[in-house]
Amino acid sequence: MNVVSKARKIDKEKLKTIAEGRIWTGEEAVKIGLADEIGGLNEAIYGIAEDNDMDEYSIVVAKDKFELGNIYKKYSRYIKMDTKDLIKEKIFKDYLYNKPVTYLPYDVLD
């Protein structure tokens, strides 16, 4: 809150009444002073470059190459094939712990 209060020049007490985990639409955020304008990722990148007088810059998009099949192949040679629980545990610890995961309304079985 200190950073937002200082950068936006909003009193901390006022900020507590509008912030602290609340979700606002873009229009609402602009009206109450939490955002300068409505835009997406491209506008944000352009704005940062402009604010820092950057005429040339490049954007690198990292793609996550997480594929369950590849991970299974990688670890299956180190443990017995009938120990799927160990594989699931290893996958969870190495690839899924503390990362966003999409759950489907069904299970994929082999």
PDB file of N, CA and C in Angstrom:
ATOM      1  N   MET A   1       0.820  -1.194   0.000  1.00  0.00           N
ATOM      2  CA  MET A   1       0.000   0.000   0.000  1.00  0.00           C
ATOM      3  C   MET A   1       0.864   1.259   0.000  1.00  0.00           C
ATOM      4  N   ASN A   2       2.029   1.199   0.623  1.00  0.00           N
ATOM      5  CA  ASN A   2       2.908   2.370   0.654  1.00  0.00           C
ATOM      6  C   ASN A   2       3.316   2.799  -0.751  1.00  0.00           C
ATOM      7  N   VAL A   3       3.655   1.813  -1.578  1.00  0.00           N
ATOM      8  CA  VAL A   3       4.101   2.111  -2.941  1.00  0.00           C
ATOM      9  C   VAL A   3       2.970   2.755  -3.737  1.00  0.00           C
ATOM     10  N   VAL A   4       1.783   2.165  -3.655  1.00  0.00           N
ATOM     11  CA  VAL A   4       0.631   2.694  -4.398  1.00  0.00           C
ATOM     12  C   VAL A   4       0.269   4.081  -3.884  1.00  0.00           C
ATOM     13  N   SER A   5       0.242   4.247  -2.567  1.00  0.00           N
ATOM     14  CA  SER A   5      -0.096   5.531  -1.966  1.00  0.00           C
ATOM     15  C   SER A   5       0.848   6.628  -2.443  1.00  0.00           C
ATOM     16  N   LYS A   6       2.135   6.321  -2.440  1.00  0.00           N
ATOM     17  CA  LYS A   6       3.133   7.314  -2.856  1.00  0.00           C
ATOM     18  C   LYS A   6       3.052   7.592  -4.363  1.00  0.00           C
ATOM     19  N   ALA A   7       2.996   6.531  -5.172  1.00  0.00           N
ATOM     20  CA  ALA A   7       2.994   6.695  -6.628  1.00  0.00           C
ATOM     21  C   ALA A   7       1.722   7.374  -7.131  1.00  0.00           C
ATOM     22  N   ARG A   8       0.594   7.044  -6.530  1.00  0.00           N
ATOM     23  CA  ARG A   8      -0.688   7.591  -6.977  1.00  0.00           C
ATOM     24  C   ARG A   8      -1.074   8.859  -6.230  1.00  0.00           C
ATOM     25  N   LYS A   9      -0.266   9.225  -5.223  1.00  0.00           N
ATOM     26  CA  LYS A   9      -0.551  10.405  -4.394  1.00  0.00           C
ATOM     27  C   LYS A   9      -1.953  10.312  -3.787  1.00  0.00           C
ATOM     28  N   ILE A  10      -2.215   9.137  -3.188  1.00  0.00           N
ATOM     29  CA  ILE A  10      -3.493   8.884  -2.525  1.00  0.00           C
ATOM     30  C   ILE A  10      -3.194   8.650  -1.049  1.00  0.00           C
ATOM     31  N   ASP A  11      -3.924   9.331  -0.181  1.00  0.00           N
ATOM     32  CA  ASP A  11      -3.767   9.157   1.254  1.00  0.00           C
ATOM     33  C   ASP A  11      -3.981   7.687   1.627  1.00  0.00           C
ATOM     34  N   LYS A  12      -3.159   7.171   2.536  1.00  0.00           N
ATOM     35  CA  LYS A  12      -3.230   5.749   2.905  1.00  0.00           C
ATOM     36  C   LYS A  12      -4.596   5.362   3.457  1.00  0.00           C
ATOM     37  N   GLU A  13      -5.203   6.232   4.234  1.00  0.00           N
ATOM     38  CA  GLU A  13      -6.521   5.918   4.798  1.00  0.00           C
ATOM     39  C   GLU A  13      -7.577   5.823   3.696  1.00  0.00           C
ATOM     40  N   LYS A  14      -7.521   6.734   2.740  1.00  0.00           N
ATOM     41  CA  LYS A  14      -8.450   6.669   1.606  1.00  0.00           C
ATOM     42  C   LYS A  14      -8.178   5.412   0.788  1.00  0.00           C
ATOM     43  N   LEU A  15      -6.893   5.108   0.605  1.00  0.00           N
ATOM     44  CA  LEU A  15      -6.511   3.930  -0.174  1.00  0.00           C
ATOM     45  C   LEU A  15      -7.050   2.654   0.463  1.00  0.00           C
ATOM     46  N   LYS A  16      -7.037   2.595   1.794  1.00  0.00           N
ATOM     47  CA  LYS A  16      -7.568   1.412   2.491  1.00  0.00           C
ATOM     48  C   LYS A  16      -9.040   1.194   2.165  1.00  0.00           C
ATOM     49  N   THR A  17      -9.774   2.270   1.964  1.00  0.00           N
ATOM     50  CA  THR A  17     -11.207   2.132   1.684  1.00  0.00           C
ATOM     51  C   THR A  17     -11.495   1.672   0.261  1.00  0.00           C
ATOM     52  N   ILE A  18     -10.523   1.862  -0.647  1.00  0.00           N
ATOM     53  CA  ILE A  18     -10.774   1.459  -2.039  1.00  0.00           C
ATOM     54  C   ILE A  18      -9.933   0.266  -2.484  1.00  0.00           C
ATOM     55  N   ALA A  19      -8.908  -0.053  -1.726  1.00  0.00           N
ATOM     56  CA  ALA A  19      -8.010  -1.131  -2.166  1.00  0.00           C
ATOM     57  C   ALA A  19      -8.172  -2.362  -1.276  1.00  0.00           C
ATOM     58  N   GLU A  20      -7.059  -2.883  -0.784  1.00  0.00           N
ATOM     59  CA  GLU A  20      -7.024  -4.064   0.081  1.00  0.00           C
ATOM     60  C   GLU A  20      -7.752  -5.267  -0.515  1.00  0.00           C
ATOM     61  N   GLY A  21      -7.351  -5.663  -1.715  1.00  0.00           N
ATOM     62  CA  GLY A  21      -7.863  -6.893  -2.305  1.00  0.00           C
ATOM     63  C   GLY A  21      -9.146  -6.757  -3.097  1.00  0.00           C
ATOM     64  N   ARG A  22      -9.696  -5.573  -3.163  1.00  0.00           N
ATOM     65  CA  ARG A  22     -10.926  -5.406  -3.933  1.00  0.00           C
ATOM     66  C   ARG A  22     -10.626  -5.462  -5.432  1.00  0.00           C
ATOM     67  N   ILE A  23     -11.629  -5.845  -6.185  1.00  0.00           N
ATOM     68  CA  ILE A  23     -11.487  -5.934  -7.642  1.00  0.00           C
ATOM     69  C   ILE A  23     -12.351  -4.854  -8.276  1.00  0.00           C
ATOM     70  N   TRP A  24     -11.731  -4.090  -9.181  1.00  0.00           N
ATOM     71  CA  TRP A  24     -12.427  -3.003  -9.858  1.00  0.00           C
ATOM     72  C   TRP A  24     -12.369  -3.220 -11.367  1.00  0.00           C
ATOM     73  N   THR A  25     -13.379  -2.749 -12.060  1.00  0.00           N
ATOM     74  CA  THR A  25     -13.302  -2.754 -13.524  1.00  0.00           C
ATOM     75  C   THR A  25     -12.287  -1.687 -13.927  1.00  0.00           C
ATOM     76  N   GLY A  26     -11.857  -1.717 -15.165  1.00  0.00           N
ATOM     77  CA  GLY A  26     -10.915  -0.716 -15.641  1.00  0.00           C
ATOM     78  C   GLY A  26     -11.463   0.694 -15.509  1.00  0.00           C
ATOM     79  N   GLU A  27     -12.720   0.879 -15.885  1.00  0.00           N
ATOM     80  CA  GLU A  27     -13.343   2.204 -15.805  1.00  0.00           C
ATOM     81  C   GLU A  27     -13.407   2.698 -14.370  1.00  0.00           C
ATOM     82  N   GLU A  28     -13.776   1.801 -13.447  1.00  0.00           N
ATOM     83  CA  GLU A  28     -13.846   2.181 -12.036  1.00  0.00           C
ATOM     84  C   GLU A  28     -12.459   2.534 -11.496  1.00  0.00           C
ATOM     85  N   ALA A  29     -11.453   1.748 -11.877  1.00  0.00           N
ATOM     86  CA  ALA A  29     -10.084   1.997 -11.408  1.00  0.00           C
ATOM     87  C   ALA A  29      -9.584   3.361 -11.872  1.00  0.00           C
ATOM     88  N   VAL A  30      -9.913   3.744 -13.097  1.00  0.00           N
ATOM     89  CA  VAL A  30      -9.514   5.060 -13.605  1.00  0.00           C
ATOM     90  C   VAL A  30     -10.230   6.158 -12.812  1.00  0.00           C
ATOM     91  N   LYS A  31     -11.542   5.982 -12.582  1.00  0.00           N
ATOM     92  CA  LYS A  31     -12.328   6.994 -11.860  1.00  0.00           C
ATOM     93  C   LYS A  31     -11.809   7.242 -10.450  1.00  0.00           C
ATOM     94  N   ILE A  32     -11.379   6.177  -9.755  1.00  0.00           N
ATOM     95  CA  ILE A  32     -10.939   6.348  -8.363  1.00  0.00           C
ATOM     96  C   ILE A  32      -9.434   6.566  -8.232  1.00  0.00           C
ATOM     97  N   GLY A  33      -8.736   6.621  -9.362  1.00  0.00           N
ATOM     98  CA  GLY A  33      -7.319   6.970  -9.337  1.00  0.00           C
ATOM     99  C   GLY A  33      -6.344   5.818  -9.204  1.00  0.00           C
ATOM    100  N   LEU A  34      -6.823   4.586  -9.349  1.00  0.00           N
ATOM    101  CA  LEU A  34      -5.923   3.432  -9.254  1.00  0.00           C
ATOM    102  C   LEU A  34      -5.261   3.097 -10.586  1.00  0.00           C
ATOM    103  N   ALA A  35      -5.760   3.667 -11.667  1.00  0.00           N
ATOM    104  CA  ALA A  35      -5.182   3.431 -13.001  1.00  0.00           C
ATOM    105  C   ALA A  35      -5.229   4.739 -13.783  1.00  0.00           C
ATOM    106  N   ASP A  36      -4.317   4.869 -14.729  1.00  0.00           N
ATOM    107  CA  ASP A  36      -4.273   6.080 -15.553  1.00  0.00           C
ATOM    108  C   ASP A  36      -5.233   6.000 -16.728  1.00  0.00           C
ATOM    109  N   GLU A  37      -5.299   4.826 -17.332  1.00  0.00           N
ATOM    110  CA  GLU A  37      -6.159   4.647 -18.496  1.00  0.00           C
ATOM    111  C   GLU A  37      -6.467   3.168 -18.667  1.00  0.00           C
ATOM    112  N   ILE A  38      -7.427   2.885 -19.528  1.00  0.00           N
ATOM    113  CA  ILE A  38      -7.804   1.507 -19.810  1.00  0.00           C
ATOM    114  C   ILE A  38      -6.978   1.015 -20.987  1.00  0.00           C
ATOM    115  N   GLY A  39      -6.428  -0.173 -20.854  1.00  0.00           N
ATOM    116  CA  GLY A  39      -5.630  -0.738 -21.938  1.00  0.00           C
ATOM    117  C   GLY A  39      -5.237  -2.163 -21.613  1.00  0.00           C
ATOM    118  N   GLY A  40      -4.561  -2.774 -22.542  1.00  0.00           N
ATOM    119  CA  GLY A  40      -4.119  -4.151 -22.367  1.00  0.00           C
ATOM    120  C   GLY A  40      -2.612  -4.231 -22.230  1.00  0.00           C
ATOM    121  N   LEU A  41      -2.092  -5.419 -22.446  1.00  0.00           N
ATOM    122  CA  LEU A  41      -0.660  -5.663 -22.305  1.00  0.00           C
ATOM    123  C   LEU A  41       0.155  -4.811 -23.274  1.00  0.00           C
ATOM    124  N   ASN A  42      -0.287  -4.722 -24.521  1.00  0.00           N
ATOM    125  CA  ASN A  42       0.458  -3.932 -25.514  1.00  0.00           C
ATOM    126  C   ASN A  42       0.546  -2.464 -25.116  1.00  0.00           C
ATOM    127  N   GLU A  43      -0.550  -1.913 -24.630  1.00  0.00           N
ATOM    128  CA  GLU A  43      -0.543  -0.519 -24.199  1.00  0.00           C
ATOM    129  C   GLU A  43       0.371  -0.324 -22.995  1.00  0.00           C
ATOM    130  N   ALA A  44       0.375  -1.298 -22.087  1.00  0.00           N
ATOM    131  CA  ALA A  44       1.245  -1.214 -20.909  1.00  0.00           C
ATOM    132  C   ALA A  44       2.714  -1.241 -21.316  1.00  0.00           C
ATOM    133  N   ILE A  45       3.067  -2.134 -22.224  1.00  0.00           N
ATOM    134  CA  ILE A  45       4.457  -2.230 -22.696  1.00  0.00           C
ATOM    135  C   ILE A  45       4.862  -0.940 -23.401  1.00  0.00           C
ATOM    136  N   TYR A  46       3.994  -0.448 -24.267  1.00  0.00           N
ATOM    137  CA  TYR A  46       4.284   0.800 -24.982  1.00  0.00           C
ATOM    138  C   TYR A  46       4.448   1.954 -23.991  1.00  0.00           C
ATOM    139  N   GLY A  47       3.582   2.011 -22.999  1.00  0.00           N
ATOM    140  CA  GLY A  47       3.647   3.075 -21.998  1.00  0.00           C
ATOM    141  C   GLY A  47       4.934   3.043 -21.194  1.00  0.00           C
ATOM    142  N   ILE A  48       5.360   1.850 -20.798  1.00  0.00           N
ATOM    143  CA  ILE A  48       6.615   1.705 -20.051  1.00  0.00           C
ATOM    144  C   ILE A  48       7.792   2.145 -20.910  1.00  0.00           C
ATOM    145  N   ALA A  49       7.796   1.720 -22.167  1.00  0.00           N
ATOM    146  CA  ALA A  49       8.879   2.108 -23.080  1.00  0.00           C
ATOM    147  C   ALA A  49       8.895   3.623 -23.271  1.00  0.00           C
ATOM    148  N   GLU A  50       7.731   4.202 -23.436  1.00  0.00           N
ATOM    149  CA  GLU A  50       7.630   5.649 -23.636  1.00  0.00           C
ATOM    150  C   GLU A  50       8.080   6.411 -22.385  1.00  0.00           C
ATOM    151  N   ASP A  51       7.640   5.959 -21.210  1.00  0.00           N
ATOM    152  CA  ASP A  51       8.022   6.615 -19.951  1.00  0.00           C
ATOM    153  C   ASP A  51       9.527   6.569 -19.710  1.00  0.00           C
ATOM    154  N   ASN A  52      10.186   5.566 -20.258  1.00  0.00           N
ATOM    155  CA  ASN A  52      11.626   5.395 -20.058  1.00  0.00           C
ATOM    156  C   ASN A  52      12.443   5.805 -21.281  1.00  0.00           C
ATOM    157  N   ASP A  53      11.822   6.557 -22.185  1.00  0.00           N
ATOM    158  CA  ASP A  53      12.486   7.055 -23.400  1.00  0.00           C
ATOM    159  C   ASP A  53      13.184   5.952 -24.189  1.00  0.00           C
ATOM    160  N   MET A  54      12.509   4.829 -24.334  1.00  0.00           N
ATOM    161  CA  MET A  54      13.064   3.699 -25.084  1.00  0.00           C
ATOM    162  C   MET A  54      12.475   3.714 -26.491  1.00  0.00           C
ATOM    163  N   ASP A  55      13.312   4.028 -27.466  1.00  0.00           N
ATOM    164  CA  ASP A  55      12.850   4.021 -28.852  1.00  0.00           C
ATOM    165  C   ASP A  55      12.848   2.612 -29.426  1.00  0.00           C
ATOM    166  N   GLU A  56      13.811   1.810 -28.986  1.00  0.00           N
ATOM    167  CA  GLU A  56      13.915   0.433 -29.472  1.00  0.00           C
ATOM    168  C   GLU A  56      13.864  -0.530 -28.292  1.00  0.00           C
ATOM    169  N   TYR A  57      13.056  -1.538 -28.415  1.00  0.00           N
ATOM    170  CA  TYR A  57      12.959  -2.578 -27.396  1.00  0.00           C
ATOM    171  C   TYR A  57      12.399  -3.828 -28.050  1.00  0.00           C
ATOM    172  N   SER A  58      12.622  -4.946 -27.403  1.00  0.00           N
ATOM    173  CA  SER A  58      12.070  -6.193 -27.936  1.00  0.00           C
ATOM    174  C   SER A  58      11.287  -6.892 -26.841  1.00  0.00           C
ATOM    175  N   ILE A  59      10.310  -7.651 -27.257  1.00  0.00           N
ATOM    176  CA  ILE A  59       9.456  -8.395 -26.337  1.00  0.00           C
ATOM    177  C   ILE A  59       9.724  -9.873 -26.553  1.00  0.00           C
ATOM    178  N   VAL A  60      10.030 -10.566 -25.479  1.00  0.00           N
ATOM    179  CA  VAL A  60      10.278 -12.002 -25.548  1.00  0.00           C
ATOM    180  C   VAL A  60       9.126 -12.701 -24.843  1.00  0.00           C
ATOM    181  N   VAL A  61       8.458 -13.585 -25.548  1.00  0.00           N
ATOM    182  CA  VAL A  61       7.356 -14.350 -24.975  1.00  0.00           C
ATOM    183  C   VAL A  61       7.859 -15.756 -24.697  1.00  0.00           C
ATOM    184  N   ALA A  62       7.899 -16.118 -23.427  1.00  0.00           N
ATOM    185  CA  ALA A  62       8.351 -17.454 -23.041  1.00  0.00           C
ATOM    186  C   ALA A  62       7.156 -18.397 -23.078  1.00  0.00           C
ATOM    187  N   LYS A  63       7.313 -19.494 -23.765  1.00  0.00           N
ATOM    188  CA  LYS A  63       6.233 -20.476 -23.850  1.00  0.00           C
ATOM    189  C   LYS A  63       6.549 -21.640 -22.928  1.00  0.00           C
ATOM    190  N   ASP A  64       5.565 -22.025 -22.148  1.00  0.00           N
ATOM    191  CA  ASP A  64       5.723 -23.137 -21.231  1.00  0.00           C
ATOM    192  C   ASP A  64       5.580 -24.433 -22.016  1.00  0.00           C
ATOM    193  N   LYS A  65       6.585 -25.277 -21.952  1.00  0.00           N
ATOM    194  CA  LYS A  65       6.547 -26.532 -22.707  1.00  0.00           C
ATOM    195  C   LYS A  65       6.162 -27.701 -21.806  1.00  0.00           C
ATOM    196  N   PHE A  66       5.231 -27.472 -20.913  1.00  0.00           N
ATOM    197  CA  PHE A  66       4.788 -28.509 -19.997  1.00  0.00           C
ATOM    198  C   PHE A  66       3.892 -29.500 -20.736  1.00  0.00           C
ATOM    199  N   GLU A  67       4.368 -30.722 -20.858  1.00  0.00           N
ATOM    200  CA  GLU A  67       3.569 -31.791 -21.447  1.00  0.00           C
ATOM    201  C   GLU A  67       3.716 -33.011 -20.554  1.00  0.00           C
ATOM    202  N   LEU A  68       2.605 -33.457 -20.029  1.00  0.00           N
ATOM    203  CA  LEU A  68       2.614 -34.571 -19.090  1.00  0.00           C
ATOM    204  C   LEU A  68       3.256 -35.813 -19.682  1.00  0.00           C
ATOM    205  N   GLY A  69       3.005 -36.099 -20.944  1.00  0.00           N
ATOM    206  CA  GLY A  69       3.578 -37.285 -21.586  1.00  0.00           C
ATOM    207  C   GLY A  69       5.093 -37.264 -21.595  1.00  0.00           C
ATOM    208  N   ASN A  70       5.678 -36.111 -21.883  1.00  0.00           N
ATOM    209  CA  ASN A  70       7.140 -35.994 -21.894  1.00  0.00           C
ATOM    210  C   ASN A  70       7.735 -36.193 -20.511  1.00  0.00           C
ATOM    211  N   ILE A  71       7.061 -35.676 -19.514  1.00  0.00           N
ATOM    212  CA  ILE A  71       7.556 -35.833 -18.144  1.00  0.00           C
ATOM    213  C   ILE A  71       7.471 -37.295 -17.732  1.00  0.00           C
ATOM    214  N   TYR A  72       6.373 -37.948 -18.082  1.00  0.00           N
ATOM    215  CA  TYR A  72       6.211 -39.363 -17.751  1.00  0.00           C
ATOM    216  C   TYR A  72       7.339 -40.176 -18.381  1.00  0.00           C
ATOM    217  N   LYS A  73       7.643 -39.916 -19.648  1.00  0.00           N
ATOM    218  CA  LYS A  73       8.725 -40.639 -20.329  1.00  0.00           C
ATOM    219  C   LYS A  73      10.064 -40.390 -19.650  1.00  0.00           C
ATOM    220  N   LYS A  74      10.293 -39.158 -19.254  1.00  0.00           N
ATOM    221  CA  LYS A  74      11.564 -38.792 -18.633  1.00  0.00           C
ATOM    222  C   LYS A  74      11.797 -39.555 -17.333  1.00  0.00           C
ATOM    223  N   TYR A  75      10.772 -39.680 -16.501  1.00  0.00           N
ATOM    224  CA  TYR A  75      10.949 -40.291 -15.188  1.00  0.00           C
ATOM    225  C   TYR A  75      10.650 -41.785 -15.148  1.00  0.00           C
ATOM    226  N   SER A  76       9.962 -42.319 -16.135  1.00  0.00           N
ATOM    227  CA  SER A  76       9.567 -43.727 -16.087  1.00  0.00           C
ATOM    228  C   SER A  76      10.768 -44.667 -16.139  1.00  0.00           C
ATOM    229  N   ARG A  77      11.866 -44.256 -16.721  1.00  0.00           N
ATOM    230  CA  ARG A  77      13.030 -45.143 -16.786  1.00  0.00           C
ATOM    231  C   ARG A  77      13.759 -45.221 -15.447  1.00  0.00           C
ATOM    232  N   TYR A  78      13.504 -44.274 -14.549  1.00  0.00           N
ATOM    233  CA  TYR A  78      14.176 -44.275 -13.256  1.00  0.00           C
ATOM    234  C   TYR A  78      13.400 -45.016 -12.177  1.00  0.00           C
ATOM    235  N   ILE A  79      12.132 -45.206 -12.383  1.00  0.00           N
ATOM    236  CA  ILE A  79      11.325 -45.922 -11.394  1.00  0.00           C
ATOM    237  C   ILE A  79      10.480 -46.968 -12.105  1.00  0.00           C
ATOM    238  N   LYS A  80       9.948 -47.886 -11.326  1.00  0.00           N
ATOM    239  CA  LYS A  80       9.137 -48.952 -11.922  1.00  0.00           C
ATOM    240  C   LYS A  80       7.881 -48.374 -12.563  1.00  0.00           C
ATOM    241  N   MET A  81       7.500 -48.953 -13.674  1.00  0.00           N
ATOM    242  CA  MET A  81       6.337 -48.466 -14.413  1.00  0.00           C
ATOM    243  C   MET A  81       5.041 -48.596 -13.627  1.00  0.00           C
ATOM    244  N   ASP A  82       4.961 -49.556 -12.709  1.00  0.00           N
ATOM    245  CA  ASP A  82       3.717 -49.752 -11.968  1.00  0.00           C
ATOM    246  C   ASP A  82       3.628 -48.838 -10.740  1.00  0.00           C
ATOM    247  N   THR A  83       4.537 -47.939 -10.588  1.00  0.00           N
ATOM    248  CA  THR A  83       4.507 -47.018  -9.450  1.00  0.00           C
ATOM    249  C   THR A  83       4.080 -45.623  -9.908  1.00  0.00           C
ATOM    250  N   LYS A  84       2.887 -45.563 -10.461  1.00  0.00           N
ATOM    251  CA  LYS A  84       2.375 -44.299 -10.997  1.00  0.00           C
ATOM    252  C   LYS A  84       2.236 -43.220  -9.921  1.00  0.00           C
ATOM    253  N   ASP A  85       1.977 -43.641  -8.696  1.00  0.00           N
ATOM    254  CA  ASP A  85       1.853 -42.650  -7.631  1.00  0.00           C
ATOM    255  C   ASP A  85       3.158 -41.894  -7.417  1.00  0.00           C
ATOM    256  N   LEU A  86       4.280 -42.591  -7.531  1.00  0.00           N
ATOM    257  CA  LEU A  86       5.577 -41.927  -7.392  1.00  0.00           C
ATOM    258  C   LEU A  86       5.803 -40.925  -8.522  1.00  0.00           C
ATOM    259  N   ILE A  87       5.382 -41.300  -9.712  1.00  0.00           N
ATOM    260  CA  ILE A  87       5.529 -40.403 -10.860  1.00  0.00           C
ATOM    261  C   ILE A  87       4.667 -39.159 -10.653  1.00  0.00           C
ATOM    262  N   LYS A  88       3.427 -39.371 -10.226  1.00  0.00           N
ATOM    263  CA  LYS A  88       2.537 -38.237  -9.984  1.00  0.00           C
ATOM    264  C   LYS A  88       3.118 -37.310  -8.921  1.00  0.00           C
ATOM    265  N   GLU A  89       3.675 -37.889  -7.875  1.00  0.00           N
ATOM    266  CA  GLU A  89       4.276 -37.090  -6.807  1.00  0.00           C
ATOM    267  C   GLU A  89       5.473 -36.298  -7.330  1.00  0.00           C
ATOM    268  N   LYS A  90       6.314 -36.929  -8.115  1.00  0.00           N
ATOM    269  CA  LYS A  90       7.491 -36.267  -8.676  1.00  0.00           C
ATOM    270  C   LYS A  90       7.064 -35.137  -9.619  1.00  0.00           C
ATOM    271  N   ILE A  91       6.071 -35.396 -10.447  1.00  0.00           N
ATOM    272  CA  ILE A  91       5.566 -34.372 -11.359  1.00  0.00           C
ATOM    273  C   ILE A  91       5.026 -33.192 -10.562  1.00  0.00           C
ATOM    274  N   PHE A  92       4.267 -33.480  -9.520  1.00  0.00           N
ATOM    275  CA  PHE A  92       3.706 -32.406  -8.703  1.00  0.00           C
ATOM    276  C   PHE A  92       4.811 -31.557  -8.094  1.00  0.00           C
ATOM    277  N   LYS A  93       5.796 -32.208  -7.488  1.00  0.00           N
ATOM    278  CA  LYS A  93       6.873 -31.472  -6.821  1.00  0.00           C
ATOM    279  C   LYS A  93       7.720 -30.674  -7.803  1.00  0.00           C
ATOM    280  N   ASP A  94       8.035 -31.243  -8.959  1.00  0.00           N
ATOM    281  CA  ASP A  94       8.941 -30.585  -9.905  1.00  0.00           C
ATOM    282  C   ASP A  94       8.256 -29.576 -10.823  1.00  0.00           C
ATOM    283  N   TYR A  95       7.006 -29.814 -11.165  1.00  0.00           N
ATOM    284  CA  TYR A  95       6.394 -29.001 -12.214  1.00  0.00           C
ATOM    285  C   TYR A  95       5.120 -28.257 -11.807  1.00  0.00           C
ATOM    286  N   LEU A  96       4.418 -28.739 -10.815  1.00  0.00           N
ATOM    287  CA  LEU A  96       3.127 -28.139 -10.518  1.00  0.00           C
ATOM    288  C   LEU A  96       3.079 -27.375  -9.203  1.00  0.00           C
ATOM    289  N   TYR A  97       4.005 -27.635  -8.289  1.00  0.00           N
ATOM    290  CA  TYR A  97       3.957 -27.009  -6.978  1.00  0.00           C
ATOM    291  C   TYR A  97       4.114 -25.496  -7.102  1.00  0.00           C
ATOM    292  N   ASN A  98       3.197 -24.775  -6.517  1.00  0.00           N
ATOM    293  CA  ASN A  98       3.206 -23.307  -6.514  1.00  0.00           C
ATOM    294  C   ASN A  98       3.052 -22.696  -7.900  1.00  0.00           C
ATOM    295  N   LYS A  99       2.413 -23.403  -8.811  1.00  0.00           N
ATOM    296  CA  LYS A  99       2.166 -22.865 -10.152  1.00  0.00           C
ATOM    297  C   LYS A  99       0.673 -22.991 -10.455  1.00  0.00           C
ATOM    298  N   PRO A 100       0.149 -22.105 -11.293  1.00  0.00           N
ATOM    299  CA  PRO A 100      -1.266 -22.227 -11.643  1.00  0.00           C
ATOM    300  C   PRO A 100      -1.527 -23.523 -12.405  1.00  0.00           C
ATOM    301  N   VAL A 101      -2.613 -24.169 -12.074  1.00  0.00           N
ATOM    302  CA  VAL A 101      -2.959 -25.439 -12.710  1.00  0.00           C
ATOM    303  C   VAL A 101      -4.410 -25.360 -13.169  1.00  0.00           C
ATOM    304  N   THR A 102      -4.670 -25.823 -14.373  1.00  0.00           N
ATOM    305  CA  THR A 102      -6.032 -25.883 -14.870  1.00  0.00           C
ATOM    306  C   THR A 102      -6.590 -27.270 -14.583  1.00  0.00           C
ATOM    307  N   TYR A 103      -7.705 -27.314 -13.902  1.00  0.00           N
ATOM    308  CA  TYR A 103      -8.353 -28.587 -13.632  1.00  0.00           C
ATOM    309  C   TYR A 103      -9.510 -28.760 -14.604  1.00  0.00           C
ATOM    310  N   LEU A 104      -9.639 -29.948 -15.133  1.00  0.00           N
ATOM    311  CA  LEU A 104     -10.713 -30.244 -16.070  1.00  0.00           C
ATOM    312  C   LEU A 104     -11.826 -30.982 -15.333  1.00  0.00           C
ATOM    313  N   PRO A 105     -13.048 -30.905 -15.836  1.00  0.00           N
ATOM    314  CA  PRO A 105     -14.150 -31.592 -15.156  1.00  0.00           C
ATOM    315  C   PRO A 105     -14.165 -33.096 -15.430  1.00  0.00           C
ATOM    316  N   TYR A 106     -13.038 -33.645 -15.863  1.00  0.00           N
ATOM    317  CA  TYR A 106     -12.942 -35.072 -16.124  1.00  0.00           C
ATOM    318  C   TYR A 106     -11.490 -35.496 -15.968  1.00  0.00           C
ATOM    319  N   ASP A 107     -11.238 -36.781 -15.855  1.00  0.00           N
ATOM    320  CA  ASP A 107      -9.883 -37.318 -15.760  1.00  0.00           C
ATOM    321  C   ASP A 107      -9.489 -37.946 -17.084  1.00  0.00           C
ATOM    322  N   VAL A 108      -8.223 -37.842 -17.430  1.00  0.00           N
ATOM    323  CA  VAL A 108      -7.699 -38.490 -18.625  1.00  0.00           C
ATOM    324  C   VAL A 108      -7.032 -39.779 -18.167  1.00  0.00           C
ATOM    325  N   LEU A 109      -7.523 -40.900 -18.636  1.00  0.00           N
ATOM    326  CA  LEU A 109      -6.998 -42.201 -18.233  1.00  0.00           C
ATOM    327  C   LEU A 109      -6.327 -42.882 -19.407  1.00  0.00           C
ATOM    328  N   ASP A 110      -5.321 -43.731 -19.110  1.00  0.00           N
ATOM    329  CA  ASP A 110      -4.686 -44.472 -20.198  1.00  0.00           C
ATOM    330  C   ASP A 110      -5.272 -45.851 -20.326  1.00  0.00           C
TER     331      ASP A 110
END
